[in-house]
Amino acid sequence: MRKIIVSEFISLDGVIEAPGPAHDFKYAGWTMPYWGDDIGAFKKQELFAADALLLGRKTYEGFAAAWPKMQDPDGFADRMNGLPKYVATKTLKKLEWSNSRALSGDLAAELAALKQQPGQDILVAGSGRLAQALLRHGLVDEYTLLVYPVVLGEGQRLFDVGAQAKLELIESRAFKSGVTALRYRSAK
């Protein structure tokens, strides 16, 4: 059975909002000073272990505006653009990014069926509200959290009030910049 893996850039105080620079959040781009080749290699390995992306509407719109224009010698952009993309949306009617399909019905049922199909893991990148919904429905199999040594004090958090999960640590790795990768499996 395929796994749904939620992957997030997260501050020490749990903020996941606008880790990249192209946002109107006042602390947008808070991850950028910490980026290094070691983190890039980790993210590439994560992406190539999946054969589908699961995205919320806002993340999809940001990715769809950026990734089709990108190229890199390592094939990361080609992989992003070539993977099937499942988008949790009730508002988008036309998805222009290659291999994109809207999930607009019963999200839990659609994803439970998708997990039963043969293939590699399904990667959720960003998409905070979607990640929260997946947790509520018991659909997250693993979390990959890149924890940044910053405290932002405000912004959207990964785990909303009342969220509960029992997790088992399966990997921890420190990067040169002070960022730590923590991988957890859901202890269902």
N, C-alpha and C. Protein backbone atom coordinates (compact mmCIF):
# COMPACT_ATOMS: atom_id res chain seq x y z
N MET A 1 0.85 -1.19 0.00
CA MET A 1 0.00 0.00 0.00
C MET A 1 0.89 1.24 0.00
N ARG A 2 0.48 2.23 -0.75
CA ARG A 2 1.22 3.49 -0.83
C ARG A 2 1.05 4.27 0.47
N LYS A 3 2.05 5.10 0.77
CA LYS A 3 2.00 5.93 1.96
C LYS A 3 1.79 7.39 1.55
N ILE A 4 1.07 8.12 2.38
CA ILE A 4 0.98 9.57 2.24
C ILE A 4 1.99 10.16 3.21
N ILE A 5 2.92 10.93 2.66
CA ILE A 5 3.98 11.54 3.45
C ILE A 5 3.82 13.05 3.40
N VAL A 6 3.62 13.66 4.55
CA VAL A 6 3.52 15.12 4.66
C VAL A 6 4.91 15.65 4.93
N SER A 7 5.38 16.53 4.05
CA SER A 7 6.71 17.11 4.18
C SER A 7 6.59 18.61 4.36
N GLU A 8 7.19 19.12 5.43
CA GLU A 8 7.06 20.54 5.76
C GLU A 8 8.39 21.15 6.19
N PHE A 9 8.59 22.40 5.82
CA PHE A 9 9.59 23.26 6.43
C PHE A 9 8.89 23.86 7.64
N ILE A 10 9.49 23.78 8.82
CA ILE A 10 8.80 24.20 10.03
C ILE A 10 9.77 24.91 10.97
N SER A 11 9.29 25.98 11.57
CA SER A 11 10.10 26.71 12.56
C SER A 11 10.04 25.98 13.90
N LEU A 12 10.89 26.36 14.83
CA LEU A 12 10.88 25.73 16.15
C LEU A 12 9.54 25.89 16.86
N ASP A 13 8.82 26.97 16.55
CA ASP A 13 7.52 27.17 17.19
C ASP A 13 6.35 26.68 16.32
N GLY A 14 6.65 25.85 15.33
CA GLY A 14 5.60 25.16 14.58
C GLY A 14 5.04 25.88 13.38
N VAL A 15 5.63 27.01 12.98
CA VAL A 15 5.11 27.78 11.84
C VAL A 15 5.59 27.14 10.53
N ILE A 16 4.67 27.03 9.57
CA ILE A 16 4.99 26.50 8.25
C ILE A 16 4.70 27.51 7.14
N GLU A 17 4.15 28.64 7.50
CA GLU A 17 3.71 29.62 6.52
C GLU A 17 4.88 30.27 5.78
N ALA A 18 4.78 30.33 4.46
CA ALA A 18 5.66 31.09 3.57
C ALA A 18 7.15 30.84 3.81
N PRO A 19 7.60 29.59 3.72
CA PRO A 19 9.03 29.35 3.89
C PRO A 19 9.86 29.91 2.74
N GLY A 20 9.23 30.06 1.57
CA GLY A 20 9.91 30.64 0.41
C GLY A 20 9.63 32.13 0.29
N PRO A 21 10.31 32.81 -0.62
CA PRO A 21 10.25 34.27 -0.68
C PRO A 21 9.01 34.88 -1.33
N ALA A 22 8.28 34.16 -2.12
CA ALA A 22 7.21 34.77 -2.93
C ALA A 22 5.86 34.76 -2.22
N HIS A 23 5.76 35.45 -1.09
CA HIS A 23 4.50 35.49 -0.34
C HIS A 23 4.35 36.84 0.31
N ASP A 24 3.14 37.15 0.76
CA ASP A 24 2.92 38.42 1.45
C ASP A 24 3.03 38.32 2.97
N PHE A 25 3.37 37.15 3.51
CA PHE A 25 3.62 36.97 4.94
C PHE A 25 4.87 37.77 5.30
N LYS A 26 4.82 38.52 6.40
CA LYS A 26 5.93 39.44 6.70
C LYS A 26 7.25 38.74 6.96
N TYR A 27 7.25 37.45 7.27
CA TYR A 27 8.49 36.72 7.47
C TYR A 27 8.79 35.76 6.30
N ALA A 28 8.18 35.99 5.16
CA ALA A 28 8.36 35.10 4.00
C ALA A 28 9.84 34.90 3.70
N GLY A 29 10.17 33.68 3.34
CA GLY A 29 11.54 33.36 3.00
C GLY A 29 12.43 33.00 4.17
N TRP A 30 11.83 32.70 5.30
CA TRP A 30 12.60 32.44 6.52
C TRP A 30 13.51 31.22 6.42
N THR A 31 13.31 30.36 5.45
CA THR A 31 14.20 29.20 5.29
C THR A 31 15.43 29.50 4.44
N MET A 32 15.36 30.52 3.64
CA MET A 32 16.38 30.77 2.61
C MET A 32 17.82 30.89 3.15
N PRO A 33 18.07 31.56 4.26
CA PRO A 33 19.46 31.68 4.74
C PRO A 33 20.08 30.34 5.15
N TYR A 34 19.28 29.31 5.31
CA TYR A 34 19.76 28.02 5.79
C TYR A 34 19.95 26.99 4.70
N TRP A 35 19.57 27.33 3.46
CA TRP A 35 19.59 26.35 2.37
C TRP A 35 21.03 25.95 2.06
N GLY A 36 21.24 24.68 1.77
CA GLY A 36 22.55 24.18 1.38
C GLY A 36 22.40 22.96 0.50
N ASP A 37 23.52 22.53 -0.09
CA ASP A 37 23.50 21.36 -0.96
C ASP A 37 23.01 20.11 -0.23
N ASP A 38 23.31 20.01 1.07
CA ASP A 38 22.89 18.83 1.82
C ASP A 38 21.36 18.78 1.95
N ILE A 39 20.73 19.92 2.18
CA ILE A 39 19.26 19.97 2.23
C ILE A 39 18.69 19.70 0.85
N GLY A 40 19.30 20.27 -0.19
CA GLY A 40 18.86 20.01 -1.56
C GLY A 40 18.90 18.54 -1.91
N ALA A 41 19.96 17.85 -1.51
CA ALA A 41 20.08 16.41 -1.78
C ALA A 41 19.01 15.62 -1.02
N PHE A 42 18.73 16.04 0.22
CA PHE A 42 17.69 15.39 1.01
C PHE A 42 16.32 15.54 0.34
N LYS A 43 16.01 16.76 -0.11
CA LYS A 43 14.72 17.01 -0.77
C LYS A 43 14.62 16.27 -2.10
N LYS A 44 15.72 16.15 -2.81
CA LYS A 44 15.71 15.40 -4.07
C LYS A 44 15.42 13.93 -3.81
N GLN A 45 16.08 13.36 -2.81
CA GLN A 45 15.84 11.95 -2.46
C GLN A 45 14.37 11.74 -2.09
N GLU A 46 13.82 12.67 -1.33
CA GLU A 46 12.41 12.59 -0.93
C GLU A 46 11.49 12.63 -2.15
N LEU A 47 11.75 13.55 -3.06
CA LEU A 47 10.91 13.69 -4.25
C LEU A 47 10.98 12.45 -5.14
N PHE A 48 12.17 11.91 -5.31
CA PHE A 48 12.32 10.76 -6.21
C PHE A 48 11.82 9.46 -5.58
N ALA A 49 11.54 9.45 -4.28
CA ALA A 49 10.95 8.28 -3.62
C ALA A 49 9.43 8.26 -3.78
N ALA A 50 8.87 9.35 -4.31
CA ALA A 50 7.42 9.45 -4.52
C ALA A 50 7.12 9.38 -6.01
N ASP A 51 5.89 8.97 -6.31
CA ASP A 51 5.50 9.01 -7.72
C ASP A 51 4.21 9.80 -7.93
N ALA A 52 3.85 10.60 -6.92
CA ALA A 52 2.69 11.49 -7.04
C ALA A 52 2.81 12.60 -6.01
N LEU A 53 2.26 13.76 -6.35
CA LEU A 53 2.17 14.88 -5.41
C LEU A 53 0.72 15.08 -5.04
N LEU A 54 0.49 15.41 -3.79
CA LEU A 54 -0.83 15.76 -3.29
C LEU A 54 -0.71 17.17 -2.75
N LEU A 55 -1.49 18.09 -3.30
CA LEU A 55 -1.33 19.51 -2.99
C LEU A 55 -2.66 20.15 -2.66
N GLY A 56 -2.60 21.13 -1.76
CA GLY A 56 -3.74 21.99 -1.53
C GLY A 56 -3.79 23.06 -2.61
N ARG A 57 -4.90 23.76 -2.70
CA ARG A 57 -5.09 24.74 -3.77
C ARG A 57 -4.02 25.82 -3.79
N LYS A 58 -3.73 26.44 -2.64
CA LYS A 58 -2.77 27.54 -2.62
C LYS A 58 -1.37 27.08 -3.01
N THR A 59 -0.95 25.96 -2.48
CA THR A 59 0.38 25.45 -2.84
C THR A 59 0.41 25.08 -4.31
N TYR A 60 -0.65 24.46 -4.81
CA TYR A 60 -0.72 24.12 -6.22
C TYR A 60 -0.57 25.38 -7.07
N GLU A 61 -1.29 26.43 -6.74
CA GLU A 61 -1.22 27.65 -7.55
C GLU A 61 0.21 28.22 -7.56
N GLY A 62 0.87 28.23 -6.41
CA GLY A 62 2.24 28.72 -6.35
C GLY A 62 3.20 27.85 -7.14
N PHE A 63 3.09 26.54 -6.97
CA PHE A 63 3.95 25.62 -7.69
C PHE A 63 3.70 25.68 -9.19
N ALA A 64 2.42 25.73 -9.59
CA ALA A 64 2.07 25.75 -11.01
C ALA A 64 2.57 27.01 -11.70
N ALA A 65 2.69 28.09 -10.95
CA ALA A 65 3.22 29.34 -11.52
C ALA A 65 4.74 29.29 -11.65
N ALA A 66 5.40 28.50 -10.82
CA ALA A 66 6.87 28.52 -10.79
C ALA A 66 7.53 27.33 -11.50
N TRP A 67 7.13 26.11 -11.20
CA TRP A 67 7.87 24.94 -11.65
C TRP A 67 7.92 24.76 -13.16
N PRO A 68 6.88 25.01 -13.93
CA PRO A 68 7.00 24.80 -15.38
C PRO A 68 8.10 25.64 -16.04
N LYS A 69 8.53 26.72 -15.40
CA LYS A 69 9.57 27.60 -15.95
C LYS A 69 10.97 27.19 -15.51
N MET A 70 11.07 26.25 -14.58
CA MET A 70 12.38 25.91 -14.00
C MET A 70 13.05 24.76 -14.73
N GLN A 71 14.38 24.81 -14.68
CA GLN A 71 15.22 23.73 -15.18
C GLN A 71 16.40 23.60 -14.25
N ASP A 72 16.92 22.38 -14.11
CA ASP A 72 18.11 22.17 -13.31
C ASP A 72 18.81 20.92 -13.83
N PRO A 73 20.12 20.83 -13.64
CA PRO A 73 20.85 19.68 -14.17
C PRO A 73 20.58 18.38 -13.44
N ASP A 74 20.03 18.45 -12.23
CA ASP A 74 19.77 17.24 -11.44
C ASP A 74 18.43 16.58 -11.75
N GLY A 75 17.59 17.22 -12.55
CA GLY A 75 16.31 16.63 -12.91
C GLY A 75 15.19 16.86 -11.91
N PHE A 76 15.41 17.69 -10.88
CA PHE A 76 14.38 17.96 -9.89
C PHE A 76 13.16 18.62 -10.54
N ALA A 77 13.39 19.64 -11.35
CA ALA A 77 12.29 20.34 -12.02
C ALA A 77 11.53 19.41 -12.96
N ASP A 78 12.26 18.60 -13.70
CA ASP A 78 11.60 17.65 -14.60
C ASP A 78 10.72 16.69 -13.81
N ARG A 79 11.21 16.25 -12.65
CA ARG A 79 10.44 15.33 -11.81
C ARG A 79 9.17 16.02 -11.29
N MET A 80 9.33 17.24 -10.78
CA MET A 80 8.17 18.01 -10.29
C MET A 80 7.13 18.17 -11.39
N ASN A 81 7.59 18.52 -12.57
CA ASN A 81 6.66 18.78 -13.67
C ASN A 81 6.04 17.50 -14.23
N GLY A 82 6.76 16.38 -14.14
CA GLY A 82 6.27 15.15 -14.74
C GLY A 82 5.38 14.30 -13.85
N LEU A 83 5.49 14.47 -12.53
CA LEU A 83 4.70 13.64 -11.62
C LEU A 83 3.20 13.91 -11.74
N PRO A 84 2.36 12.90 -11.51
CA PRO A 84 0.93 13.16 -11.35
C PRO A 84 0.72 14.04 -10.12
N LYS A 85 -0.19 14.99 -10.25
CA LYS A 85 -0.48 15.92 -9.17
C LYS A 85 -1.97 15.85 -8.85
N TYR A 86 -2.27 15.55 -7.60
CA TYR A 86 -3.65 15.50 -7.13
C TYR A 86 -3.87 16.74 -6.28
N VAL A 87 -4.90 17.50 -6.62
CA VAL A 87 -5.11 18.80 -5.99
C VAL A 87 -6.44 18.79 -5.25
N ALA A 88 -6.37 19.04 -3.93
CA ALA A 88 -7.58 19.13 -3.12
C ALA A 88 -8.14 20.54 -3.30
N THR A 89 -9.22 20.64 -4.06
CA THR A 89 -9.81 21.95 -4.34
C THR A 89 -11.29 21.81 -4.64
N LYS A 90 -12.03 22.79 -4.19
CA LYS A 90 -13.44 22.87 -4.57
C LYS A 90 -13.68 24.09 -5.46
N THR A 91 -12.63 24.91 -5.66
CA THR A 91 -12.81 26.15 -6.40
C THR A 91 -12.13 26.16 -7.77
N LEU A 92 -10.98 25.50 -7.92
CA LEU A 92 -10.30 25.52 -9.21
C LEU A 92 -11.03 24.61 -10.19
N LYS A 93 -11.34 25.16 -11.32
CA LYS A 93 -12.05 24.38 -12.35
C LYS A 93 -11.12 23.88 -13.44
N LYS A 94 -10.04 24.63 -13.68
CA LYS A 94 -9.11 24.25 -14.74
C LYS A 94 -7.70 24.20 -14.16
N LEU A 95 -7.07 23.04 -14.28
CA LEU A 95 -5.72 22.84 -13.77
C LEU A 95 -4.78 22.77 -14.98
N GLU A 96 -3.92 23.75 -15.11
CA GLU A 96 -3.08 23.89 -16.30
C GLU A 96 -1.74 23.17 -16.19
N TRP A 97 -1.24 22.96 -14.99
CA TRP A 97 0.07 22.32 -14.83
C TRP A 97 -0.05 20.86 -15.26
N SER A 98 0.93 20.38 -15.99
CA SER A 98 0.88 19.03 -16.56
C SER A 98 0.57 17.97 -15.51
N ASN A 99 -0.22 17.01 -15.92
CA ASN A 99 -0.58 15.83 -15.11
C ASN A 99 -1.30 16.17 -13.81
N SER A 100 -2.11 17.23 -13.81
CA SER A 100 -2.84 17.63 -12.61
C SER A 100 -4.29 17.19 -12.68
N ARG A 101 -4.79 16.74 -11.53
CA ARG A 101 -6.19 16.30 -11.44
C ARG A 101 -6.78 16.81 -10.13
N ALA A 102 -7.98 17.35 -10.20
CA ALA A 102 -8.66 17.87 -9.01
C ALA A 102 -9.31 16.73 -8.23
N LEU A 103 -9.19 16.82 -6.92
CA LEU A 103 -9.92 15.95 -6.00
C LEU A 103 -10.95 16.85 -5.33
N SER A 104 -12.18 16.77 -5.75
CA SER A 104 -13.18 17.70 -5.23
C SER A 104 -14.36 17.01 -4.56
N GLY A 105 -14.30 15.70 -4.51
CA GLY A 105 -15.39 14.97 -3.85
C GLY A 105 -15.07 14.72 -2.40
N ASP A 106 -15.34 13.51 -1.94
CA ASP A 106 -15.03 13.10 -0.58
C ASP A 106 -13.53 12.83 -0.50
N LEU A 107 -12.78 13.78 0.05
CA LEU A 107 -11.33 13.72 0.06
C LEU A 107 -10.82 12.44 0.72
N ALA A 108 -11.36 12.11 1.87
CA ALA A 108 -10.91 10.93 2.60
C ALA A 108 -11.11 9.66 1.76
N ALA A 109 -12.25 9.54 1.13
CA ALA A 109 -12.53 8.35 0.32
C ALA A 109 -11.64 8.31 -0.92
N GLU A 110 -11.45 9.45 -1.57
CA GLU A 110 -10.61 9.48 -2.77
C GLU A 110 -9.17 9.12 -2.44
N LEU A 111 -8.68 9.63 -1.32
CA LEU A 111 -7.29 9.36 -0.95
C LEU A 111 -7.11 7.93 -0.45
N ALA A 112 -8.09 7.41 0.26
CA ALA A 112 -8.02 6.01 0.69
C ALA A 112 -7.92 5.09 -0.54
N ALA A 113 -8.68 5.40 -1.58
CA ALA A 113 -8.63 4.62 -2.82
C ALA A 113 -7.29 4.80 -3.52
N LEU A 114 -6.78 6.02 -3.55
CA LEU A 114 -5.50 6.31 -4.19
C LEU A 114 -4.36 5.55 -3.49
N LYS A 115 -4.42 5.46 -2.17
CA LYS A 115 -3.40 4.72 -1.43
C LYS A 115 -3.40 3.24 -1.76
N GLN A 116 -4.53 2.70 -2.20
CA GLN A 116 -4.63 1.27 -2.53
C GLN A 116 -4.04 0.95 -3.91
N GLN A 117 -3.86 1.97 -4.74
CA GLN A 117 -3.31 1.74 -6.08
C GLN A 117 -1.83 1.39 -5.97
N PRO A 118 -1.32 0.62 -6.93
CA PRO A 118 0.11 0.32 -6.90
C PRO A 118 0.93 1.58 -7.17
N GLY A 119 2.12 1.61 -6.61
CA GLY A 119 3.01 2.74 -6.87
C GLY A 119 3.84 3.10 -5.66
N GLN A 120 4.57 4.18 -5.81
CA GLN A 120 5.43 4.69 -4.74
C GLN A 120 4.61 5.60 -3.83
N ASP A 121 5.31 6.27 -2.93
CA ASP A 121 4.66 7.15 -1.97
C ASP A 121 4.00 8.35 -2.64
N ILE A 122 3.07 8.96 -1.91
CA ILE A 122 2.38 10.17 -2.33
C ILE A 122 2.88 11.28 -1.42
N LEU A 123 3.49 12.29 -2.00
CA LEU A 123 4.15 13.34 -1.23
C LEU A 123 3.27 14.58 -1.15
N VAL A 124 3.03 15.04 0.07
CA VAL A 124 2.32 16.30 0.33
C VAL A 124 3.39 17.33 0.65
N ALA A 125 3.53 18.32 -0.21
CA ALA A 125 4.51 19.39 0.01
C ALA A 125 3.76 20.64 0.44
N GLY A 126 4.18 21.22 1.57
CA GLY A 126 3.48 22.41 2.04
C GLY A 126 2.03 22.08 2.32
N SER A 127 1.13 22.88 1.78
CA SER A 127 -0.30 22.57 1.83
C SER A 127 -0.80 22.37 3.26
N GLY A 128 -0.58 23.36 4.11
CA GLY A 128 -0.88 23.25 5.54
C GLY A 128 -2.29 22.85 5.88
N ARG A 129 -3.27 23.48 5.26
CA ARG A 129 -4.66 23.13 5.59
C ARG A 129 -4.99 21.70 5.15
N LEU A 130 -4.46 21.30 4.02
CA LEU A 130 -4.65 19.93 3.57
C LEU A 130 -3.99 18.96 4.56
N ALA A 131 -2.78 19.26 5.01
CA ALA A 131 -2.09 18.40 5.97
C ALA A 131 -2.92 18.26 7.25
N GLN A 132 -3.53 19.35 7.69
CA GLN A 132 -4.39 19.29 8.88
C GLN A 132 -5.60 18.40 8.64
N ALA A 133 -6.20 18.51 7.46
CA ALA A 133 -7.36 17.66 7.13
C ALA A 133 -6.96 16.19 7.06
N LEU A 134 -5.79 15.91 6.49
CA LEU A 134 -5.32 14.53 6.40
C LEU A 134 -5.11 13.94 7.80
N LEU A 135 -4.57 14.74 8.71
CA LEU A 135 -4.40 14.27 10.09
C LEU A 135 -5.75 13.94 10.73
N ARG A 136 -6.72 14.84 10.55
CA ARG A 136 -8.06 14.61 11.13
C ARG A 136 -8.69 13.31 10.62
N HIS A 137 -8.40 12.96 9.35
CA HIS A 137 -8.97 11.75 8.75
C HIS A 137 -8.09 10.52 8.93
N GLY A 138 -6.98 10.67 9.64
CA GLY A 138 -6.10 9.52 9.87
C GLY A 138 -5.41 9.02 8.62
N LEU A 139 -5.12 9.91 7.68
CA LEU A 139 -4.55 9.50 6.40
C LEU A 139 -3.05 9.74 6.27
N VAL A 140 -2.42 10.36 7.25
CA VAL A 140 -0.98 10.61 7.18
C VAL A 140 -0.23 9.39 7.69
N ASP A 141 0.63 8.86 6.84
CA ASP A 141 1.44 7.71 7.23
C ASP A 141 2.78 8.14 7.82
N GLU A 142 3.34 9.23 7.27
CA GLU A 142 4.62 9.73 7.76
C GLU A 142 4.66 11.25 7.66
N TYR A 143 5.47 11.83 8.53
CA TYR A 143 5.78 13.26 8.47
C TYR A 143 7.29 13.39 8.27
N THR A 144 7.69 14.25 7.37
CA THR A 144 9.08 14.65 7.24
C THR A 144 9.12 16.14 7.55
N LEU A 145 9.75 16.49 8.65
CA LEU A 145 9.79 17.87 9.10
C LEU A 145 11.22 18.37 9.05
N LEU A 146 11.46 19.40 8.26
CA LEU A 146 12.76 20.06 8.28
C LEU A 146 12.62 21.23 9.25
N VAL A 147 13.18 21.06 10.42
CA VAL A 147 13.02 22.01 11.52
C VAL A 147 14.13 23.05 11.45
N TYR A 148 13.72 24.31 11.30
CA TYR A 148 14.66 25.42 11.16
C TYR A 148 14.87 26.10 12.50
N PRO A 149 16.11 26.53 12.79
CA PRO A 149 16.43 27.12 14.08
C PRO A 149 15.99 28.58 14.18
N VAL A 150 14.70 28.80 13.97
CA VAL A 150 14.11 30.13 14.08
C VAL A 150 12.78 30.03 14.84
N VAL A 151 12.44 31.09 15.53
CA VAL A 151 11.14 31.22 16.17
C VAL A 151 10.49 32.44 15.54
N LEU A 152 9.32 32.25 14.92
CA LEU A 152 8.66 33.33 14.20
C LEU A 152 7.58 34.02 15.02
N GLY A 153 6.98 33.32 15.97
CA GLY A 153 6.00 33.94 16.85
C GLY A 153 4.61 34.07 16.29
N GLU A 154 4.47 33.97 14.99
CA GLU A 154 3.14 34.04 14.37
C GLU A 154 3.19 33.38 13.00
N GLY A 155 2.02 33.07 12.49
CA GLY A 155 1.91 32.43 11.18
C GLY A 155 1.17 31.11 11.30
N GLN A 156 0.82 30.56 10.16
CA GLN A 156 0.09 29.29 10.14
C GLN A 156 0.98 28.18 10.69
N ARG A 157 0.40 27.39 11.57
CA ARG A 157 1.12 26.28 12.16
C ARG A 157 0.66 24.96 11.54
N LEU A 158 1.54 23.99 11.59
CA LEU A 158 1.21 22.68 11.04
C LEU A 158 0.10 22.02 11.83
N PHE A 159 0.22 22.00 13.13
CA PHE A 159 -0.77 21.32 13.96
C PHE A 159 -1.67 22.37 14.59
N ASP A 160 -2.95 22.34 14.22
CA ASP A 160 -3.89 23.33 14.75
C ASP A 160 -4.38 22.90 16.13
N VAL A 161 -5.07 23.79 16.78
CA VAL A 161 -5.58 23.53 18.13
C VAL A 161 -6.44 22.27 18.12
N GLY A 162 -6.17 21.39 19.05
CA GLY A 162 -6.93 20.15 19.16
C GLY A 162 -6.37 18.99 18.37
N ALA A 163 -5.36 19.23 17.53
CA ALA A 163 -4.78 18.15 16.73
C ALA A 163 -4.07 17.17 17.65
N GLN A 164 -4.23 15.90 17.34
CA GLN A 164 -3.56 14.86 18.13
C GLN A 164 -3.04 13.78 17.20
N ALA A 165 -1.85 13.30 17.52
CA ALA A 165 -1.26 12.19 16.76
C ALA A 165 -0.21 11.52 17.63
N LYS A 166 -0.11 10.22 17.50
CA LYS A 166 0.97 9.48 18.14
C LYS A 166 1.95 9.11 17.03
N LEU A 167 3.21 9.49 17.25
CA LEU A 167 4.21 9.32 16.20
C LEU A 167 5.42 8.56 16.73
N GLU A 168 6.08 7.84 15.82
CA GLU A 168 7.33 7.15 16.13
C GLU A 168 8.44 7.78 15.31
N LEU A 169 9.53 8.18 15.94
CA LEU A 169 10.67 8.74 15.23
C LEU A 169 11.35 7.63 14.44
N ILE A 170 11.54 7.83 13.13
CA ILE A 170 12.22 6.83 12.30
C ILE A 170 13.55 7.33 11.75
N GLU A 171 13.79 8.65 11.82
CA GLU A 171 15.07 9.19 11.37
C GLU A 171 15.24 10.60 11.90
N SER A 172 16.46 10.93 12.26
CA SER A 172 16.82 12.32 12.54
C SER A 172 18.18 12.57 11.92
N ARG A 173 18.31 13.76 11.35
CA ARG A 173 19.55 14.10 10.66
C ARG A 173 19.79 15.60 10.80
N ALA A 174 20.99 15.95 11.20
CA ALA A 174 21.34 17.37 11.32
C ALA A 174 22.10 17.82 10.06
N PHE A 175 21.76 18.99 9.58
CA PHE A 175 22.45 19.58 8.45
C PHE A 175 23.43 20.64 8.94
N LYS A 176 24.40 20.99 8.10
CA LYS A 176 25.45 21.94 8.47
C LYS A 176 24.90 23.29 8.93
N SER A 177 23.77 23.70 8.40
CA SER A 177 23.20 25.02 8.68
C SER A 177 22.47 25.10 10.02
N GLY A 178 22.31 23.96 10.69
CA GLY A 178 21.54 23.94 11.94
C GLY A 178 20.13 23.44 11.76
N VAL A 179 19.71 23.20 10.53
CA VAL A 179 18.40 22.61 10.25
C VAL A 179 18.47 21.13 10.61
N THR A 180 17.38 20.60 11.13
CA THR A 180 17.31 19.18 11.49
C THR A 180 16.14 18.54 10.76
N ALA A 181 16.40 17.41 10.14
CA ALA A 181 15.34 16.62 9.51
C ALA A 181 14.85 15.60 10.52
N LEU A 182 13.55 15.60 10.75
CA LEU A 182 12.91 14.63 11.63
C LEU A 182 11.85 13.90 10.82
N ARG A 183 11.96 12.58 10.79
CA ARG A 183 10.96 11.77 10.08
C ARG A 183 10.23 10.93 11.11
N TYR A 184 8.91 11.01 11.04
CA TYR A 184 8.05 10.28 11.97
C TYR A 184 7.07 9.41 11.20
N ARG A 185 6.79 8.26 11.74
CA ARG A 185 5.75 7.36 11.24
C ARG A 185 4.57 7.47 12.16
N SER A 186 3.36 7.48 11.61
CA SER A 186 2.15 7.50 12.43
C SER A 186 2.03 6.17 13.14
N ALA A 187 1.80 6.25 14.45
CA ALA A 187 1.63 5.06 15.27
C ALA A 187 0.14 4.85 15.43
N LYS A 188 -0.49 4.27 14.44
CA LYS A 188 -1.95 4.13 14.40
C LYS A 188 -2.41 2.99 15.25
